[in-house]
Amino acid sequence: MGLLEKAGNISSEDEKPETKIPKKAVPVAAPAPVKAAKPVKTAKKAKRAEKKKKPEKKVREKKPRAPRVKKELPSDFEVATRGQRLTRRIVDFLVSYGWSLPVLGITGWGLYFNPTPFIILGLGLIVFNLWFMPAYAGGRSVGNWISRTRYVNTRGESPIWIYFTLKGMTTLFILIGLWAVSVVMSNKGFGETTGSQIFSAIGILMLIPPLLDYIMYKLRGDLGLWDTAFGGVWLVRTTKSTEAKGWLKRLESISDFTESKGWLSDEEKSS
């Protein structure tokens, strides 16, 4: 019996189905990306043809220039008379440069003296008449007060103080320039030292602004060099000021005297 049971067990084991071991899935590699083919280089001529054509430049139309506005004196003012112009020049010269006359006279006689006090006094008078007076007295120098004149621009206002300074220094330029010319002529040249040569050249160059000023007055009749450079400045007539006080009132009384003598004539400047 024991043998039969063993044989039955063996036959039953043979009839059991075989268990299969599942195989592991092998990962499949992703396909490599296909590289895009490089564009074939074309010839230089082909590249030039592919480039976009530049737009043609537009020709700018020339705009007509606006006509220049003529510098004219405002209608509210009248040009100063010839007598007023002459009186202003004489008075301003005596106040600003009158001190130079005795210095030149003494030097011409060959006398030895110390000119320093005269020069200091002269510089003070120049600053007073060409800077202080225009700034303090409403744009009028001593000569303007006595001749009853003033300077105005195209807006009817007084020009800035530097205009009075440059215009008043015209006489100084002439004096220095003539002195330099006389030195050059006496030495028959510009001198031996470098300093004398430079000073003589500067002195002669100082004659250019007064010469241009004179030529422009002769050609235009109303505006000189500095008048044109500052946008148009004219010497006009004024009336007696009722607001003048102190020493300005004394200048007004002197203008009454000059007018009574006929020095401020109504004859207009013809040239």
C-alpha atoms as a PDB file:
ATOM      1  CA  MET A   1       0.000   0.000   0.000  1.00  0.00           C
ATOM      2  CA  GLY A   2       2.758   2.305   0.787  1.00  0.00           C
ATOM      3  CA  LEU A   3       4.262   1.763  -2.598  1.00  0.00           C
ATOM      4  CA  LEU A   4       0.984   2.437  -4.352  1.00  0.00           C
ATOM      5  CA  GLU A   5       0.513   5.717  -2.537  1.00  0.00           C
ATOM      6  CA  LYS A   6       3.986   6.876  -3.494  1.00  0.00           C
ATOM      7  CA  ALA A   7       3.369   6.030  -7.124  1.00  0.00           C
ATOM      8  CA  GLY A   8       0.068   7.988  -7.046  1.00  0.00           C
ATOM      9  CA  ASN A   9       1.775  10.995  -5.591  1.00  0.00           C
ATOM     10  CA  ILE A  10       4.451  10.944  -8.277  1.00  0.00           C
ATOM     11  CA  SER A  11       1.850  10.786 -11.039  1.00  0.00           C
ATOM     12  CA  SER A  12      -0.068  13.696  -9.528  1.00  0.00           C
ATOM     13  CA  GLU A  13       3.059  15.830  -9.360  1.00  0.00           C
ATOM     14  CA  ASP A  14       3.722  15.098 -13.017  1.00  0.00           C
ATOM     15  CA  GLU A  15       0.253  16.354 -13.961  1.00  0.00           C
ATOM     16  CA  LYS A  16       0.731  19.853 -12.307  1.00  0.00           C
ATOM     17  CA  PRO A  17       1.213  22.678 -14.830  1.00  0.00           C
ATOM     18  CA  GLU A  18       4.605  24.215 -15.027  1.00  0.00           C
ATOM     19  CA  THR A  19       4.867  27.791 -13.690  1.00  0.00           C
ATOM     20  CA  LYS A  20       6.672  30.053 -16.071  1.00  0.00           C
ATOM     21  CA  ILE A  21       8.869  32.900 -14.690  1.00  0.00           C
ATOM     22  CA  PRO A  22       7.903  36.149 -16.413  1.00  0.00           C
ATOM     23  CA  LYS A  23      10.739  37.779 -18.248  1.00  0.00           C
ATOM     24  CA  LYS A  24      11.682  41.364 -17.412  1.00  0.00           C
ATOM     25  CA  ALA A  25      10.794  43.976 -20.066  1.00  0.00           C
ATOM     26  CA  VAL A  26      13.884  45.310 -21.763  1.00  0.00           C
ATOM     27  CA  PRO A  27      13.623  49.152 -22.225  1.00  0.00           C
ATOM     28  CA  VAL A  28      13.698  50.181 -25.839  1.00  0.00           C
ATOM     29  CA  ALA A  29      16.004  53.142 -26.548  1.00  0.00           C
ATOM     30  CA  ALA A  30      14.283  56.244 -28.030  1.00  0.00           C
ATOM     31  CA  PRO A  31      15.278  57.018 -31.560  1.00  0.00           C
ATOM     32  CA  ALA A  32      17.961  59.712 -31.859  1.00  0.00           C
ATOM     33  CA  PRO A  33      16.672  63.118 -33.135  1.00  0.00           C
ATOM     34  CA  VAL A  34      17.365  63.739 -36.711  1.00  0.00           C
ATOM     35  CA  LYS A  35      19.551  66.793 -37.174  1.00  0.00           C
ATOM     36  CA  ALA A  36      18.363  69.329 -39.676  1.00  0.00           C
ATOM     37  CA  ALA A  37      20.589  69.608 -42.616  1.00  0.00           C
ATOM     38  CA  LYS A  38      22.701  72.758 -42.742  1.00  0.00           C
ATOM     39  CA  PRO A  39      21.737  75.155 -45.482  1.00  0.00           C
ATOM     40  CA  VAL A  40      24.088  75.110 -48.327  1.00  0.00           C
ATOM     41  CA  LYS A  41      26.075  78.331 -48.549  1.00  0.00           C
ATOM     42  CA  THR A  42      25.332  80.237 -51.642  1.00  0.00           C
ATOM     43  CA  ALA A  43      27.694  82.409 -53.552  1.00  0.00           C
ATOM     44  CA  LYS A  44      28.271  86.066 -52.621  1.00  0.00           C
ATOM     45  CA  LYS A  45      26.305  87.214 -55.618  1.00  0.00           C
ATOM     46  CA  ALA A  46      23.310  85.165 -54.466  1.00  0.00           C
ATOM     47  CA  LYS A  47      23.528  86.692 -50.989  1.00  0.00           C
ATOM     48  CA  ARG A  48      23.557  90.197 -52.384  1.00  0.00           C
ATOM     49  CA  ALA A  49      20.526  89.380 -54.446  1.00  0.00           C
ATOM     50  CA  GLU A  50      18.675  88.041 -51.393  1.00  0.00           C
ATOM     51  CA  LYS A  51      19.295  91.159 -49.363  1.00  0.00           C
ATOM     52  CA  LYS A  52      16.473  93.600 -49.275  1.00  0.00           C
ATOM     53  CA  LYS A  53      16.968  96.647 -51.310  1.00  0.00           C
ATOM     54  CA  LYS A  54      17.474  99.794 -49.258  1.00  0.00           C
ATOM     55  CA  PRO A  55      14.731 102.356 -49.654  1.00  0.00           C
ATOM     56  CA  GLU A  56      15.740 105.296 -51.745  1.00  0.00           C
ATOM     57  CA  LYS A  57      16.590 108.445 -49.803  1.00  0.00           C
ATOM     58  CA  LYS A  58      14.000 111.096 -50.035  1.00  0.00           C
ATOM     59  CA  VAL A  59      15.249 114.357 -51.379  1.00  0.00           C
ATOM     60  CA  ARG A  60      14.565 117.054 -48.819  1.00  0.00           C
ATOM     61  CA  GLU A  61      12.849 120.022 -50.173  1.00  0.00           C
ATOM     62  CA  LYS A  62      14.618 123.266 -49.374  1.00  0.00           C
ATOM     63  CA  LYS A  63      12.386 125.484 -47.347  1.00  0.00           C
ATOM     64  CA  PRO A  64      12.412 129.086 -48.381  1.00  0.00           C
ATOM     65  CA  ARG A  65      14.273 131.225 -45.904  1.00  0.00           C
ATOM     66  CA  ALA A  66      12.243 133.749 -44.041  1.00  0.00           C
ATOM     67  CA  PRO A  67      13.273 137.285 -44.867  1.00  0.00           C
ATOM     68  CA  ARG A  68      15.406 138.949 -42.240  1.00  0.00           C
ATOM     69  CA  VAL A  69      13.576 141.425 -40.124  1.00  0.00           C
ATOM     70  CA  LYS A  70      15.157 144.813 -40.503  1.00  0.00           C
ATOM     71  CA  LYS A  71      16.367 146.310 -37.257  1.00  0.00           C
ATOM     72  CA  GLU A  72      14.327 149.439 -36.817  1.00  0.00           C
ATOM     73  CA  LEU A  73      13.966 152.029 -34.105  1.00  0.00           C
ATOM     74  CA  PRO A  74      10.675 151.745 -32.179  1.00  0.00           C
ATOM     75  CA  SER A  75       8.129 154.312 -33.288  1.00  0.00           C
ATOM     76  CA  ASP A  76       7.876 155.865 -29.807  1.00  0.00           C
ATOM     77  CA  PHE A  77      11.377 157.390 -30.033  1.00  0.00           C
ATOM     78  CA  GLU A  78      13.124 160.027 -32.132  1.00  0.00           C
ATOM     79  CA  VAL A  79      16.729 159.870 -33.250  1.00  0.00           C
ATOM     80  CA  ALA A  80      19.020 162.332 -31.467  1.00  0.00           C
ATOM     81  CA  THR A  81      20.025 165.474 -33.328  1.00  0.00           C
ATOM     82  CA  ARG A  82      23.513 166.206 -34.543  1.00  0.00           C
ATOM     83  CA  GLY A  83      24.049 168.723 -31.757  1.00  0.00           C
ATOM     84  CA  GLN A  84      23.032 166.175 -29.137  1.00  0.00           C
ATOM     85  CA  ARG A  85      25.394 163.589 -30.564  1.00  0.00           C
ATOM     86  CA  LEU A  86      28.304 165.999 -30.599  1.00  0.00           C
ATOM     87  CA  THR A  87      27.583 167.234 -27.066  1.00  0.00           C
ATOM     88  CA  ARG A  88      27.432 163.676 -25.728  1.00  0.00           C
ATOM     89  CA  ARG A  89      30.763 162.740 -27.336  1.00  0.00           C
ATOM     90  CA  ILE A  90      32.579 165.803 -25.991  1.00  0.00           C
ATOM     91  CA  VAL A  91      31.217 165.467 -22.450  1.00  0.00           C
ATOM     92  CA  ASP A  92      31.845 161.706 -22.224  1.00  0.00           C
ATOM     93  CA  PHE A  93      35.380 162.173 -23.552  1.00  0.00           C
ATOM     94  CA  LEU A  94      36.190 164.883 -20.999  1.00  0.00           C
ATOM     95  CA  VAL A  95      34.741 162.861 -18.120  1.00  0.00           C
ATOM     96  CA  SER A  96      36.310 159.519 -19.079  1.00  0.00           C
ATOM     97  CA  TYR A  97      39.586 160.566 -20.731  1.00  0.00           C
ATOM     98  CA  GLY A  98      40.127 164.214 -19.898  1.00  0.00           C
ATOM     99  CA  TRP A  99      42.754 163.192 -17.353  1.00  0.00           C
ATOM    100  CA  SER A 100      44.962 161.868 -20.166  1.00  0.00           C
ATOM    101  CA  LEU A 101      45.428 165.317 -21.726  1.00  0.00           C
ATOM    102  CA  PRO A 102      47.732 166.735 -19.001  1.00  0.00           C
ATOM    103  CA  VAL A 103      49.632 163.434 -18.855  1.00  0.00           C
ATOM    104  CA  LEU A 104      50.289 163.529 -22.589  1.00  0.00           C
ATOM    105  CA  GLY A 105      51.188 167.224 -22.422  1.00  0.00           C
ATOM    106  CA  ILE A 106      53.708 166.783 -19.621  1.00  0.00           C
ATOM    107  CA  THR A 107      55.188 163.718 -21.291  1.00  0.00           C
ATOM    108  CA  GLY A 108      55.498 165.644 -24.567  1.00  0.00           C
ATOM    109  CA  TRP A 109      57.527 168.354 -22.839  1.00  0.00           C
ATOM    110  CA  GLY A 110      59.917 165.700 -21.578  1.00  0.00           C
ATOM    111  CA  LEU A 111      59.402 166.528 -17.927  1.00  0.00           C
ATOM    112  CA  TYR A 112      59.939 163.835 -15.329  1.00  0.00           C
ATOM    113  CA  PHE A 113      56.950 163.210 -13.059  1.00  0.00           C
ATOM    114  CA  ASN A 114      55.076 160.354 -11.437  1.00  0.00           C
ATOM    115  CA  PRO A 115      51.945 159.607 -13.543  1.00  0.00           C
ATOM    116  CA  THR A 116      50.546 157.054 -11.074  1.00  0.00           C
ATOM    117  CA  PRO A 117      48.051 159.439  -9.362  1.00  0.00           C
ATOM    118  CA  PHE A 118      46.720 160.567 -12.759  1.00  0.00           C
ATOM    119  CA  ILE A 119      46.321 156.971 -13.939  1.00  0.00           C
ATOM    120  CA  ILE A 120      44.477 155.918 -10.765  1.00  0.00           C
ATOM    121  CA  LEU A 121      42.185 158.933 -11.032  1.00  0.00           C
ATOM    122  CA  GLY A 122      41.624 158.237 -14.720  1.00  0.00           C
ATOM    123  CA  LEU A 123      40.687 154.610 -14.154  1.00  0.00           C
ATOM    124  CA  GLY A 124      38.231 155.678 -11.463  1.00  0.00           C
ATOM    125  CA  LEU A 125      36.582 158.166 -13.838  1.00  0.00           C
ATOM    126  CA  ILE A 126      36.339 155.550 -16.597  1.00  0.00           C
ATOM    127  CA  VAL A 127      34.654 153.052 -14.271  1.00  0.00           C
ATOM    128  CA  PHE A 128      32.340 155.775 -12.968  1.00  0.00           C
ATOM    129  CA  ASN A 129      31.150 156.979 -16.372  1.00  0.00           C
ATOM    130  CA  LEU A 130      31.119 153.702 -18.334  1.00  0.00           C
ATOM    131  CA  TRP A 131      29.901 151.284 -15.672  1.00  0.00           C
ATOM    132  CA  PHE A 132      28.469 152.964 -12.573  1.00  0.00           C
ATOM    133  CA  MET A 133      26.425 155.649 -14.338  1.00  0.00           C
ATOM    134  CA  PRO A 134      24.676 153.302 -16.826  1.00  0.00           C
ATOM    135  CA  ALA A 135      23.848 150.868 -14.010  1.00  0.00           C
ATOM    136  CA  TYR A 136      22.737 153.496 -11.491  1.00  0.00           C
ATOM    137  CA  ALA A 137      21.230 156.268 -13.637  1.00  0.00           C
ATOM    138  CA  GLY A 138      18.962 154.259 -15.907  1.00  0.00           C
ATOM    139  CA  GLY A 139      21.406 153.458 -18.707  1.00  0.00           C
ATOM    140  CA  ARG A 140      22.698 157.011 -19.175  1.00  0.00           C
ATOM    141  CA  SER A 141      26.222 158.333 -18.883  1.00  0.00           C
ATOM    142  CA  VAL A 142      27.134 161.874 -17.866  1.00  0.00           C
ATOM    143  CA  GLY A 143      27.168 162.834 -21.532  1.00  0.00           C
ATOM    144  CA  ASN A 144      23.674 161.392 -21.989  1.00  0.00           C
ATOM    145  CA  TRP A 145      22.296 163.447 -19.116  1.00  0.00           C
ATOM    146  CA  ILE A 146      23.790 166.718 -20.299  1.00  0.00           C
ATOM    147  CA  SER A 147      22.804 166.134 -23.953  1.00  0.00           C
ATOM    148  CA  ARG A 148      19.368 164.761 -22.968  1.00  0.00           C
ATOM    149  CA  THR A 149      19.837 161.520 -24.850  1.00  0.00           C
ATOM    150  CA  ARG A 150      19.781 157.813 -24.084  1.00  0.00           C
ATOM    151  CA  TYR A 151      20.408 154.496 -25.835  1.00  0.00           C
ATOM    152  CA  VAL A 152      17.536 152.123 -26.630  1.00  0.00           C
ATOM    153  CA  ASN A 153      17.311 148.793 -28.450  1.00  0.00           C
ATOM    154  CA  THR A 154      14.588 147.376 -30.699  1.00  0.00           C
ATOM    155  CA  ARG A 155      12.402 146.685 -27.641  1.00  0.00           C
ATOM    156  CA  GLY A 156      12.661 150.263 -26.434  1.00  0.00           C
ATOM    157  CA  GLU A 157      14.829 149.255 -23.463  1.00  0.00           C
ATOM    158  CA  SER A 158      18.308 150.301 -22.402  1.00  0.00           C
ATOM    159  CA  PRO A 159      21.054 147.856 -23.456  1.00  0.00           C
ATOM    160  CA  ILE A 160      23.153 146.030 -20.884  1.00  0.00           C
ATOM    161  CA  TRP A 161      26.046 147.804 -19.222  1.00  0.00           C
ATOM    162  CA  ILE A 162      28.712 146.014 -21.258  1.00  0.00           C
ATOM    163  CA  TYR A 163      27.468 147.863 -24.337  1.00  0.00           C
ATOM    164  CA  PHE A 164      28.322 151.211 -22.719  1.00  0.00           C
ATOM    165  CA  THR A 165      31.724 149.894 -21.674  1.00  0.00           C
ATOM    166  CA  LEU A 166      32.719 148.631 -25.126  1.00  0.00           C
ATOM    167  CA  LYS A 167      31.358 151.679 -26.908  1.00  0.00           C
ATOM    168  CA  GLY A 168      33.042 154.042 -24.434  1.00  0.00           C
ATOM    169  CA  MET A 169      36.380 152.231 -24.787  1.00  0.00           C
ATOM    170  CA  THR A 170      36.523 153.097 -28.481  1.00  0.00           C
ATOM    171  CA  THR A 171      38.399 156.283 -27.580  1.00  0.00           C
ATOM    172  CA  LEU A 172      40.823 154.289 -25.431  1.00  0.00           C
ATOM    173  CA  PHE A 173      41.458 151.899 -28.331  1.00  0.00           C
ATOM    174  CA  ILE A 174      42.236 154.833 -30.605  1.00  0.00           C
ATOM    175  CA  LEU A 175      44.654 156.429 -28.116  1.00  0.00           C
ATOM    176  CA  ILE A 176      46.547 153.194 -27.448  1.00  0.00           C
ATOM    177  CA  GLY A 177      46.596 152.292 -31.145  1.00  0.00           C
ATOM    178  CA  LEU A 178      47.955 155.673 -32.237  1.00  0.00           C
ATOM    179  CA  TRP A 179      50.563 155.560 -29.493  1.00  0.00           C
ATOM    180  CA  ALA A 180      51.672 152.087 -30.637  1.00  0.00           C
ATOM    181  CA  VAL A 181      51.890 153.276 -34.234  1.00  0.00           C
ATOM    182  CA  SER A 182      54.022 156.260 -33.194  1.00  0.00           C
ATOM    183  CA  VAL A 183      56.360 153.975 -31.216  1.00  0.00           C
ATOM    184  CA  VAL A 184      56.735 151.635 -34.193  1.00  0.00           C
ATOM    185  CA  MET A 185      57.442 154.502 -36.574  1.00  0.00           C
ATOM    186  CA  SER A 186      59.985 156.094 -34.225  1.00  0.00           C
ATOM    187  CA  ASN A 187      61.836 152.797 -33.759  1.00  0.00           C
ATOM    188  CA  LYS A 188      61.531 151.922 -37.461  1.00  0.00           C
ATOM    189  CA  GLY A 189      60.049 148.566 -36.555  1.00  0.00           C
ATOM    190  CA  PHE A 190      58.406 146.649 -33.751  1.00  0.00           C
ATOM    191  CA  GLY A 191      61.374 146.980 -31.424  1.00  0.00           C
ATOM    192  CA  GLU A 192      64.042 144.561 -30.354  1.00  0.00           C
ATOM    193  CA  THR A 193      62.524 142.833 -27.322  1.00  0.00           C
ATOM    194  CA  THR A 194      59.650 140.370 -27.489  1.00  0.00           C
ATOM    195  CA  GLY A 195      57.570 142.366 -25.005  1.00  0.00           C
ATOM    196  CA  SER A 196      57.738 145.553 -27.069  1.00  0.00           C
ATOM    197  CA  GLN A 197      56.839 143.637 -30.230  1.00  0.00           C
ATOM    198  CA  ILE A 198      53.759 142.063 -28.613  1.00  0.00           C
ATOM    199  CA  PHE A 199      52.612 145.380 -27.123  1.00  0.00           C
ATOM    200  CA  SER A 200      53.038 147.193 -30.426  1.00  0.00           C
ATOM    201  CA  ALA A 201      51.097 144.499 -32.296  1.00  0.00           C
ATOM    202  CA  ILE A 202      48.246 144.559 -29.753  1.00  0.00           C
ATOM    203  CA  GLY A 203      48.132 148.351 -29.923  1.00  0.00           C
ATOM    204  CA  ILE A 204      47.817 148.332 -33.698  1.00  0.00           C
ATOM    205  CA  LEU A 205      45.107 145.637 -33.549  1.00  0.00           C
ATOM    206  CA  MET A 206      43.125 147.913 -31.221  1.00  0.00           C
ATOM    207  CA  LEU A 207      42.618 150.271 -34.142  1.00  0.00           C
ATOM    208  CA  ILE A 208      40.506 147.675 -35.986  1.00  0.00           C
ATOM    209  CA  PRO A 209      37.260 148.020 -33.919  1.00  0.00           C
ATOM    210  CA  PRO A 210      37.169 151.852 -34.190  1.00  0.00           C
ATOM    211  CA  LEU A 211      37.926 151.621 -37.909  1.00  0.00           C
ATOM    212  CA  LEU A 212      35.094 149.121 -38.473  1.00  0.00           C
ATOM    213  CA  ASP A 213      32.782 151.262 -36.371  1.00  0.00           C
ATOM    214  CA  TYR A 214      33.551 154.321 -38.509  1.00  0.00           C
ATOM    215  CA  ILE A 215      33.092 152.430 -41.789  1.00  0.00           C
ATOM    216  CA  MET A 216      29.753 150.961 -40.700  1.00  0.00           C
ATOM    217  CA  TYR A 217      28.474 154.381 -39.666  1.00  0.00           C
ATOM    218  CA  LYS A 218      29.433 155.774 -43.045  1.00  0.00           C
ATOM    219  CA  LEU A 219      27.787 152.921 -44.968  1.00  0.00           C
ATOM    220  CA  ARG A 220      24.630 152.461 -42.876  1.00  0.00           C
ATOM    221  CA  GLY A 221      24.227 155.894 -41.354  1.00  0.00           C
ATOM    222  CA  ASP A 222      22.518 154.805 -38.110  1.00  0.00           C
ATOM    223  CA  LEU A 223      24.220 151.708 -36.653  1.00  0.00           C
ATOM    224  CA  GLY A 224      27.900 151.184 -35.982  1.00  0.00           C
ATOM    225  CA  LEU A 225      29.889 148.128 -34.944  1.00  0.00           C
ATOM    226  CA  TRP A 226      28.744 147.839 -31.324  1.00  0.00           C
ATOM    227  CA  ASP A 227      25.198 148.977 -32.171  1.00  0.00           C
ATOM    228  CA  THR A 228      24.858 146.113 -34.640  1.00  0.00           C
ATOM    229  CA  ALA A 229      26.591 143.550 -32.407  1.00  0.00           C
ATOM    230  CA  PHE A 230      24.018 144.122 -29.644  1.00  0.00           C
ATOM    231  CA  GLY A 231      20.999 143.645 -31.909  1.00  0.00           C
ATOM    232  CA  GLY A 232      20.407 147.268 -32.851  1.00  0.00           C
ATOM    233  CA  VAL A 233      20.937 150.220 -30.514  1.00  0.00           C
ATOM    234  CA  TRP A 234      20.100 153.860 -31.241  1.00  0.00           C
ATOM    235  CA  LEU A 235      20.824 157.176 -29.565  1.00  0.00           C
ATOM    236  CA  VAL A 236      17.453 158.862 -29.042  1.00  0.00           C
ATOM    237  CA  ARG A 237      16.157 162.125 -27.630  1.00  0.00           C
ATOM    238  CA  THR A 238      14.745 162.454 -24.133  1.00  0.00           C
ATOM    239  CA  THR A 239      12.927 165.156 -22.205  1.00  0.00           C
ATOM    240  CA  LYS A 240      13.768 166.745 -18.907  1.00  0.00           C
ATOM    241  CA  SER A 241      13.394 164.276 -16.081  1.00  0.00           C
ATOM    242  CA  THR A 242      11.160 165.332 -13.204  1.00  0.00           C
ATOM    243  CA  GLU A 243      12.368 162.502 -10.949  1.00  0.00           C
ATOM    244  CA  ALA A 244      16.026 163.535 -10.902  1.00  0.00           C
ATOM    245  CA  LYS A 245      17.376 164.312  -7.437  1.00  0.00           C
ATOM    246  CA  GLY A 246      20.679 165.381  -5.947  1.00  0.00           C
ATOM    247  CA  TRP A 247      23.629 165.518  -8.295  1.00  0.00           C
ATOM    248  CA  LEU A 248      21.530 164.132 -11.163  1.00  0.00           C
ATOM    249  CA  LYS A 249      19.358 167.235 -10.867  1.00  0.00           C
ATOM    250  CA  ARG A 250      22.490 169.348 -11.271  1.00  0.00           C
ATOM    251  CA  LEU A 251      23.256 167.515 -14.483  1.00  0.00           C
ATOM    252  CA  GLU A 252      19.745 168.393 -15.634  1.00  0.00           C
ATOM    253  CA  SER A 253      20.442 172.058 -14.948  1.00  0.00           C
ATOM    254  CA  ILE A 254      23.578 171.847 -17.096  1.00  0.00           C
ATOM    255  CA  SER A 255      21.470 170.367 -19.903  1.00  0.00           C
ATOM    256  CA  ASP A 256      19.156 173.383 -19.585  1.00  0.00           C
ATOM    257  CA  PHE A 257      22.192 175.602 -20.130  1.00  0.00           C
ATOM    258  CA  THR A 258      23.367 173.681 -23.198  1.00  0.00           C
ATOM    259  CA  GLU A 259      19.891 173.787 -24.672  1.00  0.00           C
ATOM    260  CA  SER A 260      19.615 177.554 -24.077  1.00  0.00           C
ATOM    261  CA  LYS A 261      22.884 178.038 -25.963  1.00  0.00           C
ATOM    262  CA  GLY A 262      21.500 176.164 -28.971  1.00  0.00           C
ATOM    263  CA  TRP A 263      24.005 173.323 -28.676  1.00  0.00           C
ATOM    264  CA  LEU A 264      21.174 170.781 -28.760  1.00  0.00           C
ATOM    265  CA  SER A 265      19.807 171.871 -32.111  1.00  0.00           C
ATOM    266  CA  ASP A 266      16.887 170.150 -33.792  1.00  0.00           C
ATOM    267  CA  GLU A 267      18.900 169.575 -36.948  1.00  0.00           C
ATOM    268  CA  GLU A 268      18.688 165.874 -37.690  1.00  0.00           C
ATOM    269  CA  LYS A 269      21.755 163.951 -38.650  1.00  0.00           C
ATOM    270  CA  SER A 270      21.811 163.772 -42.414  1.00  0.00           C
ATOM    271  CA  SER A 271      24.446 161.076 -42.842  1.00  0.00           C
END
